[in-house]
Amino acid sequence: MEWINTPESSNIASFGYNAVNRVLTVEFKSGGRYEYFEVPSAVFAAMKAADSKGQFLAQSIKGRYRYASI
């Protein structure tokens, strides 16, 4: 799994992607951790490239993919 640390983000501590299972894992600075399911690799690539990871998560992932708190 590839992990990306995001010290510049006010909300997201890090995120990672499992390409085999197509699961995006997001760890928040508040301590919460969520898995988003069936996320295409292109969406992960777009999140890596986004200027604001939190804004990208809110606009392009939340509400579009199933998720679970872990």
C-alpha atoms as a PDB file:
ATOM      1  CA  MET A   1       0.000   0.000   0.000  1.00  0.00           C
ATOM      2  CA  GLU A   2       1.297   3.420  -0.933  1.00  0.00           C
ATOM      3  CA  TRP A   3       0.999   5.990   1.901  1.00  0.00           C
ATOM      4  CA  ILE A   4       1.054   9.740   1.431  1.00  0.00           C
ATOM      5  CA  ASN A   5       1.738  12.000   4.431  1.00  0.00           C
ATOM      6  CA  THR A   6      -0.014  15.356   4.285  1.00  0.00           C
ATOM      7  CA  PRO A   7       1.567  17.745   6.804  1.00  0.00           C
ATOM      8  CA  GLU A   8       0.188  20.691   4.804  1.00  0.00           C
ATOM      9  CA  SER A   9      -3.410  19.562   5.341  1.00  0.00           C
ATOM     10  CA  SER A  10      -5.328  20.950   8.305  1.00  0.00           C
ATOM     11  CA  ASN A  11      -7.616  17.900   8.402  1.00  0.00           C
ATOM     12  CA  ILE A  12      -5.940  14.831   6.838  1.00  0.00           C
ATOM     13  CA  ALA A  13      -2.818  13.297   8.434  1.00  0.00           C
ATOM     14  CA  SER A  14      -2.191  10.733   5.676  1.00  0.00           C
ATOM     15  CA  PHE A  15      -3.892   8.537   3.132  1.00  0.00           C
ATOM     16  CA  GLY A  16      -3.086   5.333   1.335  1.00  0.00           C
ATOM     17  CA  TYR A  17      -4.368   3.187  -1.483  1.00  0.00           C
ATOM     18  CA  ASN A  18      -4.550  -0.566  -1.950  1.00  0.00           C
ATOM     19  CA  ALA A  19      -4.694  -1.009  -5.724  1.00  0.00           C
ATOM     20  CA  VAL A  20      -5.579  -4.713  -5.545  1.00  0.00           C
ATOM     21  CA  ASN A  21      -8.672  -4.155  -3.394  1.00  0.00           C
ATOM     22  CA  ARG A  22      -9.330  -0.586  -4.633  1.00  0.00           C
ATOM     23  CA  VAL A  23      -9.553   0.688  -1.047  1.00  0.00           C
ATOM     24  CA  LEU A  24      -8.574   4.233  -0.110  1.00  0.00           C
ATOM     25  CA  THR A  25      -7.697   4.636   3.575  1.00  0.00           C
ATOM     26  CA  VAL A  26      -7.749   8.131   5.071  1.00  0.00           C
ATOM     27  CA  GLU A  27      -6.332   8.958   8.488  1.00  0.00           C
ATOM     28  CA  PHE A  28      -7.476  12.248   9.986  1.00  0.00           C
ATOM     29  CA  LYS A  29      -5.504  14.460  12.331  1.00  0.00           C
ATOM     30  CA  SER A  30      -8.344  14.042  14.845  1.00  0.00           C
ATOM     31  CA  GLY A  31      -7.431  10.342  15.030  1.00  0.00           C
ATOM     32  CA  GLY A  32     -10.269   8.898  12.945  1.00  0.00           C
ATOM     33  CA  ARG A  33      -9.513   6.451  10.152  1.00  0.00           C
ATOM     34  CA  TYR A  34     -11.845   5.534   7.288  1.00  0.00           C
ATOM     35  CA  GLU A  35     -11.751   3.135   4.373  1.00  0.00           C
ATOM     36  CA  TYR A  36     -13.490   4.057   1.113  1.00  0.00           C
ATOM     37  CA  PHE A  37     -14.321   1.097  -1.124  1.00  0.00           C
ATOM     38  CA  GLU A  38     -14.177   0.553  -4.892  1.00  0.00           C
ATOM     39  CA  VAL A  39     -12.198   3.747  -5.484  1.00  0.00           C
ATOM     40  CA  PRO A  40     -10.567   3.763  -8.953  1.00  0.00           C
ATOM     41  CA  SER A  41      -6.799   4.282  -9.112  1.00  0.00           C
ATOM     42  CA  ALA A  42      -7.396   7.456 -11.148  1.00  0.00           C
ATOM     43  CA  VAL A  43      -9.231   8.976  -8.186  1.00  0.00           C
ATOM     44  CA  PHE A  44      -6.279   8.176  -5.910  1.00  0.00           C
ATOM     45  CA  ALA A  45      -3.922   9.776  -8.441  1.00  0.00           C
ATOM     46  CA  ALA A  46      -6.134  12.864  -8.591  1.00  0.00           C
ATOM     47  CA  MET A  47      -6.168  13.108  -4.790  1.00  0.00           C
ATOM     48  CA  LYS A  48      -2.365  12.926  -4.715  1.00  0.00           C
ATOM     49  CA  ALA A  49      -2.220  15.773  -7.238  1.00  0.00           C
ATOM     50  CA  ALA A  50      -4.894  17.942  -5.587  1.00  0.00           C
ATOM     51  CA  ASP A  51      -3.810  21.199  -3.982  1.00  0.00           C
ATOM     52  CA  SER A  52      -6.227  20.599  -1.101  1.00  0.00           C
ATOM     53  CA  LYS A  53      -6.559  16.953  -0.075  1.00  0.00           C
ATOM     54  CA  GLY A  54      -9.442  17.705   2.299  1.00  0.00           C
ATOM     55  CA  GLN A  55     -11.386  19.613  -0.322  1.00  0.00           C
ATOM     56  CA  PHE A  56     -10.814  16.825  -2.848  1.00  0.00           C
ATOM     57  CA  LEU A  57     -12.031  14.240  -0.325  1.00  0.00           C
ATOM     58  CA  ALA A  58     -15.170  16.266   0.387  1.00  0.00           C
ATOM     59  CA  GLN A  59     -16.012  16.957  -3.256  1.00  0.00           C
ATOM     60  CA  SER A  60     -14.912  13.783  -5.047  1.00  0.00           C
ATOM     61  CA  ILE A  61     -15.002  10.910  -2.569  1.00  0.00           C
ATOM     62  CA  LYS A  62     -17.445  11.487   0.295  1.00  0.00           C
ATOM     63  CA  GLY A  63     -20.967  10.579  -0.747  1.00  0.00           C
ATOM     64  CA  ARG A  64     -19.751   8.720  -3.850  1.00  0.00           C
ATOM     65  CA  TYR A  65     -18.087   5.642  -2.364  1.00  0.00           C
ATOM     66  CA  ARG A  66     -19.081   3.246   0.387  1.00  0.00           C
ATOM     67  CA  TYR A  67     -17.015   3.703   3.522  1.00  0.00           C
ATOM     68  CA  ALA A  68     -16.431   2.341   6.997  1.00  0.00           C
ATOM     69  CA  SER A  69     -14.718   3.621  10.100  1.00  0.00           C
ATOM     70  CA  ILE A  70     -11.813   1.420  11.164  1.00  0.00           C
END
